[in-house]
Amino acid sequence: SVERPSLTPRENSETSEVLSFAQQRLWFIDQL
């Protein structure tokens, strides 16, 4: 089978997409 290529994290840069406030909140709670 053709395996799906693995995703690699993007480097933090000014061109990175910004998370919405709700996404930031969920990420923070998950980290906490």
Full PDB file with SEQRES, HELIX, SHEET, SSBOND, CRYST1, ORIGX, SCALE, CONECT and MASTER records, all heavy atoms in Angstrom:
SEQRES   1 A   32  SER VAL GLU ARG PRO SER LEU THR PRO ARG GLU ASN SER          
SEQRES   2 A   32  GLU THR SER GLU VAL LEU SER PHE ALA GLN GLN ARG LEU          
SEQRES   3 A   32  TRP PHE ILE ASP GLN LEU                                      
HELIX    1 AA1 PHE A   21  GLN A   31  1                                  11    
CRYST1    1.000    1.000    1.000  90.00  90.00  90.00 P 1           1          
ORIGX1      1.000000  0.000000  0.000000        0.00000                         
ORIGX2      0.000000  1.000000  0.000000        0.00000                         
ORIGX3      0.000000  0.000000  1.000000        0.00000                         
SCALE1      1.000000  0.000000  0.000000        0.00000                         
SCALE2      0.000000  1.000000  0.000000        0.00000                         
SCALE3      0.000000  0.000000  1.000000        0.00000                         
ATOM      1  N   SER A   1       0.852  -1.185   0.000  1.00  0.00           N  
ATOM      2  CA  SER A   1       0.000   0.000   0.000  1.00  0.00           C  
ATOM      3  C   SER A   1       0.884   1.230   0.000  1.00  0.00           C  
ATOM      4  O   SER A   1       2.040   1.175   0.419  1.00  0.00           O  
ATOM      5  CB  SER A   1      -0.930   0.015   1.217  1.00  0.00           C  
ATOM      6  OG  SER A   1      -0.179   0.104   2.397  1.00  0.00           O  
ATOM      7  N   VAL A   2       0.329   2.305  -0.495  1.00  0.00           N  
ATOM      8  CA  VAL A   2       1.058   3.574  -0.495  1.00  0.00           C  
ATOM      9  C   VAL A   2       0.793   4.217   0.847  1.00  0.00           C  
ATOM     10  O   VAL A   2      -0.342   4.537   1.183  1.00  0.00           O  
ATOM     11  CB  VAL A   2       0.588   4.493  -1.639  1.00  0.00           C  
ATOM     12  CG1 VAL A   2       1.302   5.825  -1.578  1.00  0.00           C  
ATOM     13  CG2 VAL A   2       0.807   3.820  -2.981  1.00  0.00           C  
ATOM     14  N   GLU A   3       1.853   4.351   1.625  1.00  0.00           N  
ATOM     15  CA  GLU A   3       1.685   4.918   2.960  1.00  0.00           C  
ATOM     16  C   GLU A   3       1.585   6.422   2.891  1.00  0.00           C  
ATOM     17  O   GLU A   3       2.255   7.068   2.085  1.00  0.00           O  
ATOM     18  CB  GLU A   3       2.849   4.496   3.849  1.00  0.00           C  
ATOM     19  CG  GLU A   3       2.863   3.005   4.060  1.00  0.00           C  
ATOM     20  CD  GLU A   3       3.550   2.620   5.338  1.00  0.00           C  
ATOM     21  OE1 GLU A   3       3.783   3.490   6.183  1.00  0.00           O  
ATOM     22  OE2 GLU A   3       3.835   1.437   5.473  1.00  0.00           O  
ATOM     23  N   ARG A   4       0.747   6.931   3.732  1.00  0.00           N  
ATOM     24  CA  ARG A   4       0.585   8.374   3.824  1.00  0.00           C  
ATOM     25  C   ARG A   4       1.865   8.959   4.417  1.00  0.00           C  
ATOM     26  O   ARG A   4       2.320   8.497   5.461  1.00  0.00           O  
ATOM     27  CB  ARG A   4      -0.595   8.653   4.734  1.00  0.00           C  
ATOM     28  CG  ARG A   4      -1.076  10.041   4.733  1.00  0.00           C  
ATOM     29  CD  ARG A   4      -2.309  10.132   5.602  1.00  0.00           C  
ATOM     30  NE  ARG A   4      -3.081  11.254   5.166  1.00  0.00           N  
ATOM     31  CZ  ARG A   4      -4.250  11.563   5.640  1.00  0.00           C  
ATOM     32  NH1 ARG A   4      -4.817  10.807   6.538  1.00  0.00           N  
ATOM     33  NH2 ARG A   4      -4.902  12.606   5.199  1.00  0.00           N  
ATOM     34  N   PRO A   5       2.454   9.960   3.749  1.00  0.00           N  
ATOM     35  CA  PRO A   5       3.669  10.559   4.309  1.00  0.00           C  
ATOM     36  C   PRO A   5       3.386  11.132   5.692  1.00  0.00           C  
ATOM     37  O   PRO A   5       2.306  11.647   5.958  1.00  0.00           O  
ATOM     38  CB  PRO A   5       4.009  11.678   3.321  1.00  0.00           C  
ATOM     39  CG  PRO A   5       3.281  11.325   2.076  1.00  0.00           C  
ATOM     40  CD  PRO A   5       2.062  10.570   2.495  1.00  0.00           C  
ATOM     41  N   SER A   6       4.362  11.017   6.573  1.00  0.00           N  
ATOM     42  CA  SER A   6       4.154  11.541   7.921  1.00  0.00           C  
ATOM     43  C   SER A   6       4.199  13.062   7.905  1.00  0.00           C  
ATOM     44  O   SER A   6       4.868  13.671   7.070  1.00  0.00           O  
ATOM     45  CB  SER A   6       5.217  10.996   8.877  1.00  0.00           C  
ATOM     46  OG  SER A   6       6.492  11.405   8.435  1.00  0.00           O  
ATOM     47  N   LEU A   7       3.457  13.649   8.808  1.00  0.00           N  
ATOM     48  CA  LEU A   7       3.430  15.103   8.923  1.00  0.00           C  
ATOM     49  C   LEU A   7       4.623  15.552   9.751  1.00  0.00           C  
ATOM     50  O   LEU A   7       4.983  14.912  10.730  1.00  0.00           O  
ATOM     51  CB  LEU A   7       2.133  15.563   9.603  1.00  0.00           C  
ATOM     52  CG  LEU A   7       0.855  15.253   8.854  1.00  0.00           C  
ATOM     53  CD1 LEU A   7      -0.349  15.681   9.692  1.00  0.00           C  
ATOM     54  CD2 LEU A   7       0.815  15.952   7.515  1.00  0.00           C  
ATOM     55  N   THR A   8       5.219  16.634   9.343  1.00  0.00           N  
ATOM     56  CA  THR A   8       6.334  17.188  10.106  1.00  0.00           C  
ATOM     57  C   THR A   8       5.925  18.554  10.632  1.00  0.00           C  
ATOM     58  O   THR A   8       5.269  19.319   9.929  1.00  0.00           O  
ATOM     59  CB  THR A   8       7.594  17.331   9.229  1.00  0.00           C  
ATOM     60  OG1 THR A   8       7.271  18.091   8.071  1.00  0.00           O  
ATOM     61  CG2 THR A   8       8.105  15.972   8.799  1.00  0.00           C  
ATOM     62  N   PRO A   9       6.291  18.852  11.871  1.00  0.00           N  
ATOM     63  CA  PRO A   9       5.909  20.149  12.434  1.00  0.00           C  
ATOM     64  C   PRO A   9       6.569  21.285  11.671  1.00  0.00           C  
ATOM     65  O   PRO A   9       7.698  21.158  11.205  1.00  0.00           O  
ATOM     66  CB  PRO A   9       6.417  20.099  13.868  1.00  0.00           C  
ATOM     67  CG  PRO A   9       7.075  18.799  14.060  1.00  0.00           C  
ATOM     68  CD  PRO A   9       7.045  18.040  12.781  1.00  0.00           C  
ATOM     69  N   ARG A  10       5.826  22.359  11.540  1.00  0.00           N  
ATOM     70  CA  ARG A  10       6.389  23.538  10.899  1.00  0.00           C  
ATOM     71  C   ARG A  10       7.206  24.320  11.908  1.00  0.00           C  
ATOM     72  O   ARG A  10       6.908  24.322  13.091  1.00  0.00           O  
ATOM     73  CB  ARG A  10       5.267  24.438  10.360  1.00  0.00           C  
ATOM     74  CG  ARG A  10       4.556  23.801   9.203  1.00  0.00           C  
ATOM     75  CD  ARG A  10       3.813  24.800   8.407  1.00  0.00           C  
ATOM     76  NE  ARG A  10       2.652  25.322   9.116  1.00  0.00           N  
ATOM     77  CZ  ARG A  10       1.837  26.215   8.603  1.00  0.00           C  
ATOM     78  NH1 ARG A  10       2.027  26.692   7.422  1.00  0.00           N  
ATOM     79  NH2 ARG A  10       0.803  26.640   9.284  1.00  0.00           N  
ATOM     80  N   GLU A  11       8.223  24.972  11.407  1.00  0.00           N  
ATOM     81  CA  GLU A  11       9.031  25.825  12.255  1.00  0.00           C  
ATOM     82  C   GLU A  11       8.226  27.069  12.620  1.00  0.00           C  
ATOM     83  O   GLU A  11       7.419  27.548  11.827  1.00  0.00           O  
ATOM     84  CB  GLU A  11      10.302  26.261  11.519  1.00  0.00           C  
ATOM     85  CG  GLU A  11      11.230  25.123  11.177  1.00  0.00           C  
ATOM     86  CD  GLU A  11      11.828  24.473  12.400  1.00  0.00           C  
ATOM     87  OE1 GLU A  11      12.132  25.189  13.378  1.00  0.00           O  
ATOM     88  OE2 GLU A  11      11.984  23.238  12.388  1.00  0.00           O  
ATOM     89  N   ASN A  12       8.437  27.578  13.820  1.00  0.00           N  
ATOM     90  CA  ASN A  12       7.790  28.832  14.198  1.00  0.00           C  
ATOM     91  C   ASN A  12       8.379  29.949  13.349  1.00  0.00           C  
ATOM     92  O   ASN A  12       9.579  30.120  13.290  1.00  0.00           O  
ATOM     93  CB  ASN A  12       8.008  29.146  15.675  1.00  0.00           C  
ATOM     94  CG  ASN A  12       7.219  28.215  16.561  1.00  0.00           C  
ATOM     95  OD1 ASN A  12       6.242  27.618  16.118  1.00  0.00           O  
ATOM     96  ND2 ASN A  12       7.624  28.070  17.799  1.00  0.00           N  
ATOM     97  N   SER A  13       7.534  30.656  12.685  1.00  0.00           N  
ATOM     98  CA  SER A  13       7.988  31.781  11.868  1.00  0.00           C  
ATOM     99  C   SER A  13       6.837  32.756  11.743  1.00  0.00           C  
ATOM    100  O   SER A  13       5.717  32.479  12.123  1.00  0.00           O  
ATOM    101  CB  SER A  13       8.438  31.303  10.486  1.00  0.00           C  
ATOM    102  OG  SER A  13       7.319  30.873   9.739  1.00  0.00           O  
ATOM    103  N   GLU A  14       7.126  33.884  11.180  1.00  0.00           N  
ATOM    104  CA  GLU A  14       6.089  34.896  11.029  1.00  0.00           C  
ATOM    105  C   GLU A  14       5.060  34.492   9.994  1.00  0.00           C  
ATOM    106  O   GLU A  14       3.972  35.031   9.956  1.00  0.00           O  
ATOM    107  CB  GLU A  14       6.731  36.232  10.683  1.00  0.00           C  
ATOM    108  CG  GLU A  14       7.583  36.748  11.831  1.00  0.00           C  
ATOM    109  CD  GLU A  14       8.053  38.166  11.602  1.00  0.00           C  
ATOM    110  OE1 GLU A  14       7.397  38.905  10.860  1.00  0.00           O  
ATOM    111  OE2 GLU A  14       9.083  38.530  12.185  1.00  0.00           O  
ATOM    112  N   THR A  15       5.387  33.510   9.133  1.00  0.00           N  
ATOM    113  CA  THR A  15       4.437  33.062   8.122  1.00  0.00           C  
ATOM    114  C   THR A  15       3.541  31.942   8.634  1.00  0.00           C  
ATOM    115  O   THR A  15       2.655  31.507   7.942  1.00  0.00           O  
ATOM    116  CB  THR A  15       5.171  32.589   6.854  1.00  0.00           C  
ATOM    117  OG1 THR A  15       6.014  31.492   7.207  1.00  0.00           O  
ATOM    118  CG2 THR A  15       5.982  33.699   6.236  1.00  0.00           C  
ATOM    119  N   SER A  16       3.787  31.453   9.864  1.00  0.00           N  
ATOM    120  CA  SER A  16       2.942  30.396  10.426  1.00  0.00           C  
ATOM    121  C   SER A  16       1.533  30.923  10.637  1.00  0.00           C  
ATOM    122  O   SER A  16       1.320  32.091  10.936  1.00  0.00           O  
ATOM    123  CB  SER A  16       3.497  29.917  11.770  1.00  0.00           C  
ATOM    124  OG  SER A  16       4.726  29.295  11.593  1.00  0.00           O  
ATOM    125  N   GLU A  17       0.580  30.021  10.499  1.00  0.00           N  
ATOM    126  CA  GLU A  17      -0.801  30.416  10.725  1.00  0.00           C  
ATOM    127  C   GLU A  17      -1.026  30.670  12.208  1.00  0.00           C  
ATOM    128  O   GLU A  17      -0.470  30.002  13.061  1.00  0.00           O  
ATOM    129  CB  GLU A  17      -1.727  29.322  10.213  1.00  0.00           C  
ATOM    130  CG  GLU A  17      -1.647  29.166   8.706  1.00  0.00           C  
ATOM    131  CD  GLU A  17      -2.586  28.104   8.199  1.00  0.00           C  
ATOM    132  OE1 GLU A  17      -3.678  27.942   8.767  1.00  0.00           O  
ATOM    133  OE2 GLU A  17      -2.218  27.447   7.222  1.00  0.00           O  
ATOM    134  N   VAL A  18      -1.871  31.620  12.498  1.00  0.00           N  
ATOM    135  CA  VAL A  18      -2.170  31.985  13.881  1.00  0.00           C  
ATOM    136  C   VAL A  18      -3.375  31.186  14.345  1.00  0.00           C  
ATOM    137  O   VAL A  18      -4.346  31.040  13.628  1.00  0.00           O  
ATOM    138  CB  VAL A  18      -2.460  33.508  13.969  1.00  0.00           C  
ATOM    139  CG1 VAL A  18      -2.823  33.894  15.379  1.00  0.00           C  
ATOM    140  CG2 VAL A  18      -1.274  34.293  13.463  1.00  0.00           C  
ATOM    141  N   LEU A  19      -3.281  30.661  15.563  1.00  0.00           N  
ATOM    142  CA  LEU A  19      -4.407  29.936  16.135  1.00  0.00           C  
ATOM    143  C   LEU A  19      -5.467  30.918  16.602  1.00  0.00           C  
ATOM    144  O   LEU A  19      -5.152  32.018  17.066  1.00  0.00           O  
ATOM    145  CB  LEU A  19      -3.947  29.095  17.325  1.00  0.00           C  
ATOM    146  CG  LEU A  19      -2.950  27.975  17.052  1.00  0.00           C  
ATOM    147  CD1 LEU A  19      -2.548  27.321  18.363  1.00  0.00           C  
ATOM    148  CD2 LEU A  19      -3.527  26.960  16.112  1.00  0.00           C  
ATOM    149  N   SER A  20      -6.721  30.489  16.532  1.00  0.00           N  
ATOM    150  CA  SER A  20      -7.797  31.310  17.083  1.00  0.00           C  
ATOM    151  C   SER A  20      -7.678  31.298  18.602  1.00  0.00           C  
ATOM    152  O   SER A  20      -6.973  30.461  19.185  1.00  0.00           O  
ATOM    153  CB  SER A  20      -9.156  30.751  16.659  1.00  0.00           C  
ATOM    154  OG  SER A  20      -9.402  29.523  17.328  1.00  0.00           O  
ATOM    155  N   PHE A  21      -8.385  32.203  19.262  1.00  0.00           N  
ATOM    156  CA  PHE A  21      -8.349  32.243  20.720  1.00  0.00           C  
ATOM    157  C   PHE A  21      -8.836  30.917  21.301  1.00  0.00           C  
ATOM    158  O   PHE A  21      -8.244  30.387  22.243  1.00  0.00           O  
ATOM    159  CB  PHE A  21      -9.196  33.401  21.250  1.00  0.00           C  
ATOM    160  CG  PHE A  21      -9.221  33.450  22.746  1.00  0.00           C  
ATOM    161  CD1 PHE A  21      -8.110  33.893  23.456  1.00  0.00           C  
ATOM    162  CD2 PHE A  21     -10.331  33.028  23.455  1.00  0.00           C  
ATOM    163  CE1 PHE A  21      -8.111  33.918  24.847  1.00  0.00           C  
ATOM    164  CE2 PHE A  21     -10.342  33.052  24.844  1.00  0.00           C  
ATOM    165  CZ  PHE A  21      -9.230  33.500  25.528  1.00  0.00           C  
ATOM    166  N   ALA A  22      -9.896  30.336  20.720  1.00  0.00           N  
ATOM    167  CA  ALA A  22     -10.426  29.068  21.225  1.00  0.00           C  
ATOM    168  C   ALA A  22      -9.400  27.947  21.059  1.00  0.00           C  
ATOM    169  O   ALA A  22      -9.231  27.108  21.952  1.00  0.00           O  
ATOM    170  CB  ALA A  22     -11.715  28.718  20.490  1.00  0.00           C  
ATOM    171  N   GLN A  23      -8.680  27.926  19.927  1.00  0.00           N  
ATOM    172  CA  GLN A  23      -7.641  26.917  19.728  1.00  0.00           C  
ATOM    173  C   GLN A  23      -6.499  27.102  20.717  1.00  0.00           C  
ATOM    174  O   GLN A  23      -5.981  26.125  21.263  1.00  0.00           O  
ATOM    175  CB  GLN A  23      -7.114  26.979  18.294  1.00  0.00           C  
ATOM    176  CG  GLN A  23      -8.110  26.518  17.260  1.00  0.00           C  
ATOM    177  CD  GLN A  23      -7.633  26.818  15.857  1.00  0.00           C  
ATOM    178  OE1 GLN A  23      -7.077  27.868  15.583  1.00  0.00           O  
ATOM    179  NE2 GLN A  23      -7.866  25.870  14.956  1.00  0.00           N  
ATOM    180  N   GLN A  24      -6.123  28.352  20.966  1.00  0.00           N  
ATOM    181  CA  GLN A  24      -5.062  28.631  21.931  1.00  0.00           C  
ATOM    182  C   GLN A  24      -5.470  28.148  23.322  1.00  0.00           C  
ATOM    183  O   GLN A  24      -4.673  27.554  24.051  1.00  0.00           O  
ATOM    184  CB  GLN A  24      -4.755  30.122  21.975  1.00  0.00           C  
ATOM    185  CG  GLN A  24      -4.071  30.648  20.741  1.00  0.00           C  
ATOM    186  CD  GLN A  24      -3.881  32.157  20.806  1.00  0.00           C  
ATOM    187  OE1 GLN A  24      -3.862  32.747  21.882  1.00  0.00           O  
ATOM    188  NE2 GLN A  24      -3.745  32.779  19.645  1.00  0.00           N  
ATOM    189  N   ARG A  25      -6.722  28.392  23.681  1.00  0.00           N  
ATOM    190  CA  ARG A  25      -7.224  27.996  24.994  1.00  0.00           C  
ATOM    191  C   ARG A  25      -7.192  26.478  25.146  1.00  0.00           C  
ATOM    192  O   ARG A  25      -6.729  25.953  26.158  1.00  0.00           O  
ATOM    193  CB  ARG A  25      -8.651  28.514  25.187  1.00  0.00           C  
ATOM    194  CG  ARG A  25      -9.224  28.192  26.558  1.00  0.00           C  
ATOM    195  CD  ARG A  25     -10.634  28.712  26.728  1.00  0.00           C  
ATOM    196  NE  ARG A  25     -11.535  27.949  25.886  1.00  0.00           N  
ATOM    197  CZ  ARG A  25     -12.368  28.475  24.990  1.00  0.00           C  
ATOM    198  NH1 ARG A  25     -12.437  29.771  24.813  1.00  0.00           N  
ATOM    199  NH2 ARG A  25     -13.143  27.708  24.261  1.00  0.00           N  
ATOM    200  N   LEU A  26      -7.653  25.743  24.114  1.00  0.00           N  
ATOM    201  CA  LEU A  26      -7.643  24.290  24.188  1.00  0.00           C  
ATOM    202  C   LEU A  26      -6.218  23.745  24.239  1.00  0.00           C  
ATOM    203  O   LEU A  26      -5.928  22.789  24.968  1.00  0.00           O  
ATOM    204  CB  LEU A  26      -8.405  23.688  23.007  1.00  0.00           C  
ATOM    205  CG  LEU A  26      -9.920  23.867  23.055  1.00  0.00           C  
ATOM    206  CD1 LEU A  26     -10.543  23.367  21.768  1.00  0.00           C  
ATOM    207  CD2 LEU A  26     -10.517  23.173  24.256  1.00  0.00           C  
ATOM    208  N   TRP A  27      -5.319  24.349  23.478  1.00  0.00           N  
ATOM    209  CA  TRP A  27      -3.918  23.922  23.510  1.00  0.00           C  
ATOM    210  C   TRP A  27      -3.350  24.145  24.908  1.00  0.00           C  
ATOM    211  O   TRP A  27      -2.680  23.273  25.459  1.00  0.00           O  
ATOM    212  CB  TRP A  27      -3.105  24.697  22.472  1.00  0.00           C  
ATOM    213  CG  TRP A  27      -1.652  24.328  22.504  1.00  0.00           C  
ATOM    214  CD1 TRP A  27      -1.053  23.300  21.846  1.00  0.00           C  
ATOM    215  CD2 TRP A  27      -0.622  24.986  23.256  1.00  0.00           C  
ATOM    216  NE1 TRP A  27       0.291  23.260  22.140  1.00  0.00           N  
ATOM    217  CE2 TRP A  27       0.588  24.278  23.005  1.00  0.00           C  
ATOM    218  CE3 TRP A  27      -0.585  26.083  24.108  1.00  0.00           C  
ATOM    219  CZ2 TRP A  27       1.801  24.654  23.575  1.00  0.00           C  
ATOM    220  CZ3 TRP A  27       0.624  26.446  24.673  1.00  0.00           C  
ATOM    221  CH2 TRP A  27       1.798  25.749  24.408  1.00  0.00           C  
ATOM    222  N   PHE A  28      -3.624  25.306  25.489  1.00  0.00           N  
ATOM    223  CA  PHE A  28      -3.112  25.624  26.826  1.00  0.00           C  
ATOM    224  C   PHE A  28      -3.639  24.634  27.860  1.00  0.00           C  
ATOM    225  O   PHE A  28      -2.884  24.108  28.679  1.00  0.00           O  
ATOM    226  CB  PHE A  28      -3.486  27.055  27.220  1.00  0.00           C  
ATOM    227  CG  PHE A  28      -3.058  27.406  28.616  1.00  0.00           C  
ATOM    228  CD1 PHE A  28      -1.728  27.675  28.890  1.00  0.00           C  
ATOM    229  CD2 PHE A  28      -3.980  27.438  29.651  1.00  0.00           C  
ATOM    230  CE1 PHE A  28      -1.320  27.974  30.185  1.00  0.00           C  
ATOM    231  CE2 PHE A  28      -3.579  27.736  30.945  1.00  0.00           C  
ATOM    232  CZ  PHE A  28      -2.247  28.010  31.207  1.00  0.00           C  
ATOM    233  N   ILE A  29      -4.927  24.344  27.820  1.00  0.00           N  
ATOM    234  CA  ILE A  29      -5.514  23.403  28.781  1.00  0.00           C  
ATOM    235  C   ILE A  29      -4.891  22.024  28.604  1.00  0.00           C  
ATOM    236  O   ILE A  29      -4.572  21.340  29.578  1.00  0.00           O  
ATOM    237  CB  ILE A  29      -7.044  23.350  28.620  1.00  0.00           C  
ATOM    238  CG1 ILE A  29      -7.658  24.673  29.091  1.00  0.00           C  
ATOM    239  CG2 ILE A  29      -7.649  22.173  29.378  1.00  0.00           C  
ATOM    240  CD1 ILE A  29      -9.116  24.847  28.768  1.00  0.00           C  
ATOM    241  N   ASP A  30      -4.678  21.605  27.346  1.00  0.00           N  
ATOM    242  CA  ASP A  30      -4.058  20.305  27.098  1.00  0.00           C  
ATOM    243  C   ASP A  30      -2.640  20.265  27.661  1.00  0.00           C  
ATOM    244  O   ASP A  30      -2.227  19.267  28.251  1.00  0.00           O  
ATOM    245  CB  ASP A  30      -4.044  19.998  25.604  1.00  0.00           C  
ATOM    246  CG  ASP A  30      -3.479  18.623  25.321  1.00  0.00           C  
ATOM    247  OD1 ASP A  30      -4.100  17.627  25.750  1.00  0.00           O  
ATOM    248  OD2 ASP A  30      -2.402  18.546  24.691  1.00  0.00           O  
ATOM    249  N   GLN A  31      -1.888  21.347  27.499  1.00  0.00           N  
ATOM    250  CA  GLN A  31      -0.524  21.396  28.035  1.00  0.00           C  
ATOM    251  C   GLN A  31      -0.545  21.397  29.559  1.00  0.00           C  
ATOM    252  O   GLN A  31       0.268  20.741  30.198  1.00  0.00           O  
ATOM    253  CB  GLN A  31       0.211  22.649  27.531  1.00  0.00           C  
ATOM    254  CG  GLN A  31       0.394  22.708  26.030  1.00  0.00           C  
ATOM    255  CD  GLN A  31       1.148  21.524  25.479  1.00  0.00           C  
ATOM    256  OE1 GLN A  31       2.252  21.234  25.911  1.00  0.00           O  
ATOM    257  NE2 GLN A  31       0.547  20.823  24.539  1.00  0.00           N  
ATOM    258  N   LEU A  32      -1.485  22.102  30.146  1.00  0.00           N  
ATOM    259  CA  LEU A  32      -1.584  22.223  31.588  1.00  0.00           C  
ATOM    260  C   LEU A  32      -2.024  20.920  32.254  1.00  0.00           C  
ATOM    261  O   LEU A  32      -1.459  20.498  33.260  1.00  0.00           O  
ATOM    262  CB  LEU A  32      -2.568  23.346  31.938  1.00  0.00           C  
ATOM    263  CG  LEU A  32      -2.699  23.742  33.389  1.00  0.00           C  
ATOM    264  CD1 LEU A  32      -1.399  24.337  33.899  1.00  0.00           C  
ATOM    265  CD2 LEU A  32      -3.838  24.742  33.555  1.00  0.00           C  
TER     266      LEU A  32                                                      
MASTER        0    0    0    1    0    0    0    6  265    1    0    3          
END                                                                             
